[in-house]
Amino acid sequence: MIEITLVLDGKEQDVLVPSKVTFGRLKVLVTESLAENGFNLPSDYQLVIKGKSFEMGQFDLISDFALSNGDRLEILLGETSAII
């Protein structure tokens, strides 16, 4: 398991995720988790790894890209391709 921080509108939430999950599956899990707590994300939101200069594809395992404890994922609403 990897402990990461989700950041949405300046609010942070620490979560544990499996290390052998794809980035696409992680996005689905984030969407479902937030929906269960009353927050519905738009379909065009993006997860951006803060402080990293690479992008992950839907089928990439997060463990293959050195995503590790303490990393932060920014939830961006709307279209953007910025690296934070």
N, C-alpha and C. Protein backbone atom coordinates (compact mmCIF):
# COMPACT_ATOMS: atom_id res chain seq x y z
N MET A 1 0.85 -1.19 0.00
CA MET A 1 0.00 0.00 0.00
C MET A 1 0.89 1.25 0.00
N ILE A 2 0.38 2.29 -0.64
CA ILE A 2 1.08 3.56 -0.71
C ILE A 2 0.18 4.63 -0.11
N GLU A 3 0.74 5.46 0.76
CA GLU A 3 -0.02 6.56 1.35
C GLU A 3 0.24 7.81 0.53
N ILE A 4 -0.83 8.32 -0.11
CA ILE A 4 -0.72 9.52 -0.91
C ILE A 4 -1.69 10.57 -0.37
N THR A 5 -1.53 11.79 -0.83
CA THR A 5 -2.43 12.87 -0.44
C THR A 5 -3.16 13.36 -1.68
N LEU A 6 -4.49 13.39 -1.61
CA LEU A 6 -5.30 13.98 -2.67
C LEU A 6 -5.54 15.44 -2.31
N VAL A 7 -5.40 16.32 -3.30
CA VAL A 7 -5.60 17.74 -3.09
C VAL A 7 -6.70 18.21 -4.03
N LEU A 8 -7.76 18.80 -3.48
CA LEU A 8 -8.87 19.32 -4.27
C LEU A 8 -9.29 20.65 -3.69
N ASP A 9 -9.18 21.70 -4.48
CA ASP A 9 -9.55 23.05 -4.04
C ASP A 9 -8.87 23.44 -2.74
N GLY A 10 -7.61 23.09 -2.60
CA GLY A 10 -6.84 23.45 -1.42
C GLY A 10 -7.06 22.55 -0.21
N LYS A 11 -8.01 21.63 -0.30
CA LYS A 11 -8.26 20.69 0.80
C LYS A 11 -7.48 19.41 0.53
N GLU A 12 -6.91 18.85 1.58
CA GLU A 12 -6.09 17.65 1.46
C GLU A 12 -6.73 16.47 2.19
N GLN A 13 -6.56 15.29 1.58
CA GLN A 13 -7.06 14.06 2.19
C GLN A 13 -6.03 12.96 1.97
N ASP A 14 -5.53 12.38 3.05
CA ASP A 14 -4.59 11.27 2.95
C ASP A 14 -5.36 9.98 2.70
N VAL A 15 -4.86 9.18 1.76
CA VAL A 15 -5.51 7.92 1.43
C VAL A 15 -4.45 6.84 1.22
N LEU A 16 -4.85 5.60 1.43
CA LEU A 16 -4.00 4.45 1.14
C LEU A 16 -4.50 3.81 -0.15
N VAL A 17 -3.57 3.55 -1.07
CA VAL A 17 -3.94 2.91 -2.33
C VAL A 17 -3.00 1.73 -2.57
N PRO A 18 -3.47 0.72 -3.28
CA PRO A 18 -2.60 -0.42 -3.60
C PRO A 18 -1.46 0.03 -4.52
N SER A 19 -0.29 -0.52 -4.34
CA SER A 19 0.85 -0.14 -5.18
C SER A 19 0.75 -0.75 -6.58
N LYS A 20 0.00 -1.80 -6.73
CA LYS A 20 -0.13 -2.47 -8.04
C LYS A 20 -1.45 -2.11 -8.73
N VAL A 21 -1.85 -0.86 -8.64
CA VAL A 21 -3.05 -0.39 -9.31
C VAL A 21 -2.62 0.49 -10.49
N THR A 22 -3.40 0.43 -11.58
CA THR A 22 -3.09 1.30 -12.72
C THR A 22 -3.57 2.71 -12.42
N PHE A 23 -3.00 3.66 -13.15
CA PHE A 23 -3.40 5.05 -12.95
C PHE A 23 -4.87 5.23 -13.33
N GLY A 24 -5.33 4.53 -14.37
CA GLY A 24 -6.74 4.60 -14.76
C GLY A 24 -7.65 4.06 -13.67
N ARG A 25 -7.28 2.95 -13.07
CA ARG A 25 -8.08 2.37 -11.98
C ARG A 25 -8.06 3.28 -10.76
N LEU A 26 -6.91 3.90 -10.48
CA LEU A 26 -6.83 4.84 -9.37
C LEU A 26 -7.81 5.98 -9.56
N LYS A 27 -7.92 6.46 -10.78
CA LYS A 27 -8.86 7.55 -11.07
C LYS A 27 -10.30 7.11 -10.80
N VAL A 28 -10.63 5.87 -11.19
CA VAL A 28 -11.97 5.33 -10.92
C VAL A 28 -12.21 5.23 -9.42
N LEU A 29 -11.23 4.73 -8.68
CA LEU A 29 -11.37 4.60 -7.23
C LEU A 29 -11.56 5.95 -6.55
N VAL A 30 -10.82 6.96 -7.01
CA VAL A 30 -10.96 8.31 -6.46
C VAL A 30 -12.37 8.84 -6.74
N THR A 31 -12.84 8.65 -7.97
CA THR A 31 -14.19 9.10 -8.35
C THR A 31 -15.25 8.45 -7.47
N GLU A 32 -15.16 7.13 -7.31
CA GLU A 32 -16.15 6.40 -6.51
C GLU A 32 -16.09 6.80 -5.04
N SER A 33 -14.90 6.95 -4.52
CA SER A 33 -14.74 7.32 -3.11
C SER A 33 -15.34 8.69 -2.82
N LEU A 34 -15.05 9.65 -3.68
CA LEU A 34 -15.60 10.99 -3.47
C LEU A 34 -17.11 11.01 -3.66
N ALA A 35 -17.63 10.23 -4.62
CA ALA A 35 -19.07 10.16 -4.85
C ALA A 35 -19.79 9.59 -3.62
N GLU A 36 -19.18 8.59 -2.98
CA GLU A 36 -19.78 8.02 -1.76
C GLU A 36 -19.84 9.04 -0.63
N ASN A 37 -18.99 10.05 -0.71
CA ASN A 37 -18.97 11.10 0.31
C ASN A 37 -19.66 12.38 -0.17
N GLY A 38 -20.47 12.26 -1.23
CA GLY A 38 -21.30 13.37 -1.67
C GLY A 38 -20.66 14.36 -2.61
N PHE A 39 -19.48 14.06 -3.16
CA PHE A 39 -18.84 14.99 -4.08
C PHE A 39 -18.66 14.30 -5.43
N ASN A 40 -19.40 14.77 -6.43
CA ASN A 40 -19.32 14.18 -7.76
C ASN A 40 -18.37 14.98 -8.64
N LEU A 41 -17.35 14.31 -9.13
CA LEU A 41 -16.37 14.95 -10.00
C LEU A 41 -16.88 14.95 -11.44
N PRO A 42 -16.58 16.00 -12.21
CA PRO A 42 -16.94 15.99 -13.63
C PRO A 42 -16.11 14.95 -14.37
N SER A 43 -16.61 14.49 -15.49
CA SER A 43 -15.92 13.42 -16.22
C SER A 43 -14.57 13.85 -16.79
N ASP A 44 -14.35 15.15 -16.95
CA ASP A 44 -13.10 15.61 -17.56
C ASP A 44 -12.03 16.00 -16.53
N TYR A 45 -12.20 15.59 -15.28
CA TYR A 45 -11.18 15.96 -14.28
C TYR A 45 -9.89 15.18 -14.55
N GLN A 46 -8.79 15.72 -14.02
CA GLN A 46 -7.50 15.06 -14.18
C GLN A 46 -6.83 14.91 -12.84
N LEU A 47 -6.04 13.85 -12.71
CA LEU A 47 -5.16 13.67 -11.56
C LEU A 47 -3.76 14.04 -12.02
N VAL A 48 -3.13 14.96 -11.32
CA VAL A 48 -1.78 15.41 -11.67
C VAL A 48 -0.88 15.15 -10.48
N ILE A 49 0.24 14.51 -10.74
CA ILE A 49 1.21 14.23 -9.68
C ILE A 49 2.02 15.49 -9.45
N LYS A 50 1.88 16.08 -8.27
CA LYS A 50 2.58 17.32 -7.96
C LYS A 50 4.08 17.06 -7.78
N GLY A 51 4.87 17.93 -8.40
CA GLY A 51 6.32 17.84 -8.24
C GLY A 51 7.00 16.81 -9.12
N LYS A 52 6.27 16.17 -10.01
CA LYS A 52 6.87 15.18 -10.92
C LYS A 52 6.72 15.71 -12.35
N SER A 53 7.72 15.47 -13.16
CA SER A 53 7.72 16.02 -14.52
C SER A 53 7.37 14.98 -15.58
N PHE A 54 6.50 14.05 -15.25
CA PHE A 54 6.07 13.06 -16.23
C PHE A 54 4.57 12.86 -16.10
N GLU A 55 3.99 12.31 -17.17
CA GLU A 55 2.57 12.00 -17.17
C GLU A 55 2.42 10.48 -17.22
N MET A 56 1.38 10.00 -16.59
CA MET A 56 1.13 8.56 -16.57
C MET A 56 -0.07 8.25 -17.46
N GLY A 57 0.03 7.14 -18.18
CA GLY A 57 -1.08 6.68 -18.99
C GLY A 57 -2.05 5.85 -18.18
N GLN A 58 -3.21 5.64 -18.73
CA GLN A 58 -4.29 4.94 -18.04
C GLN A 58 -3.88 3.53 -17.58
N PHE A 59 -3.01 2.86 -18.33
CA PHE A 59 -2.67 1.47 -18.02
C PHE A 59 -1.32 1.32 -17.31
N ASP A 60 -0.69 2.44 -16.96
CA ASP A 60 0.58 2.40 -16.23
C ASP A 60 0.33 2.09 -14.76
N LEU A 61 1.13 1.18 -14.21
CA LEU A 61 1.06 0.90 -12.77
C LEU A 61 1.72 2.05 -12.01
N ILE A 62 1.09 2.49 -10.94
CA ILE A 62 1.67 3.61 -10.20
C ILE A 62 3.01 3.25 -9.58
N SER A 63 3.20 1.98 -9.26
CA SER A 63 4.48 1.56 -8.66
C SER A 63 5.63 1.62 -9.66
N ASP A 64 5.35 1.58 -10.95
CA ASP A 64 6.39 1.65 -11.98
C ASP A 64 6.93 3.06 -12.17
N PHE A 65 6.27 4.04 -11.59
CA PHE A 65 6.66 5.43 -11.79
C PHE A 65 7.10 6.10 -10.50
N ALA A 66 7.56 5.32 -9.57
CA ALA A 66 8.10 5.83 -8.31
C ALA A 66 7.10 6.70 -7.55
N LEU A 67 5.82 6.43 -7.70
CA LEU A 67 4.82 7.08 -6.86
C LEU A 67 4.92 6.40 -5.51
N SER A 68 5.15 7.17 -4.47
CA SER A 68 5.43 6.56 -3.17
C SER A 68 4.79 7.34 -2.04
N ASN A 69 4.98 6.84 -0.83
CA ASN A 69 4.40 7.48 0.35
C ASN A 69 4.73 8.97 0.37
N GLY A 70 3.71 9.76 0.65
CA GLY A 70 3.89 11.19 0.76
C GLY A 70 3.68 11.97 -0.52
N ASP A 71 3.57 11.28 -1.66
CA ASP A 71 3.32 12.00 -2.91
C ASP A 71 1.93 12.60 -2.88
N ARG A 72 1.79 13.67 -3.65
CA ARG A 72 0.53 14.42 -3.67
C ARG A 72 -0.07 14.39 -5.08
N LEU A 73 -1.36 14.08 -5.16
CA LEU A 73 -2.08 14.09 -6.42
C LEU A 73 -3.10 15.22 -6.37
N GLU A 74 -2.96 16.15 -7.29
CA GLU A 74 -3.89 17.28 -7.40
C GLU A 74 -5.04 16.86 -8.30
N ILE A 75 -6.27 17.10 -7.85
CA ILE A 75 -7.45 16.84 -8.67
C ILE A 75 -7.78 18.16 -9.35
N LEU A 76 -7.62 18.18 -10.69
CA LEU A 76 -7.88 19.39 -11.47
C LEU A 76 -9.21 19.24 -12.18
N LEU A 77 -10.06 20.23 -12.02
CA LEU A 77 -11.36 20.22 -12.66
C LEU A 77 -11.28 21.01 -13.96
N GLY A 78 -11.84 20.47 -15.02
CA GLY A 78 -11.76 21.12 -16.32
C GLY A 78 -10.54 20.63 -17.08
N GLU A 79 -10.38 21.13 -18.30
CA GLU A 79 -9.29 20.68 -19.15
C GLU A 79 -8.02 21.44 -18.85
N THR A 80 -6.93 20.71 -18.69
CA THR A 80 -5.61 21.31 -18.50
C THR A 80 -4.56 20.25 -18.75
N SER A 81 -3.39 20.68 -19.14
CA SER A 81 -2.29 19.74 -19.30
C SER A 81 -1.09 20.20 -18.51
N ALA A 82 -1.31 21.07 -17.55
CA ALA A 82 -0.22 21.63 -16.77
C ALA A 82 0.38 20.61 -15.83
N ILE A 83 1.69 20.70 -15.67
CA ILE A 83 2.39 19.90 -14.66
C ILE A 83 2.62 20.81 -13.48
N ILE A 84 2.17 20.38 -12.32
CA ILE A 84 2.26 21.22 -11.12
C ILE A 84 3.49 20.84 -10.35
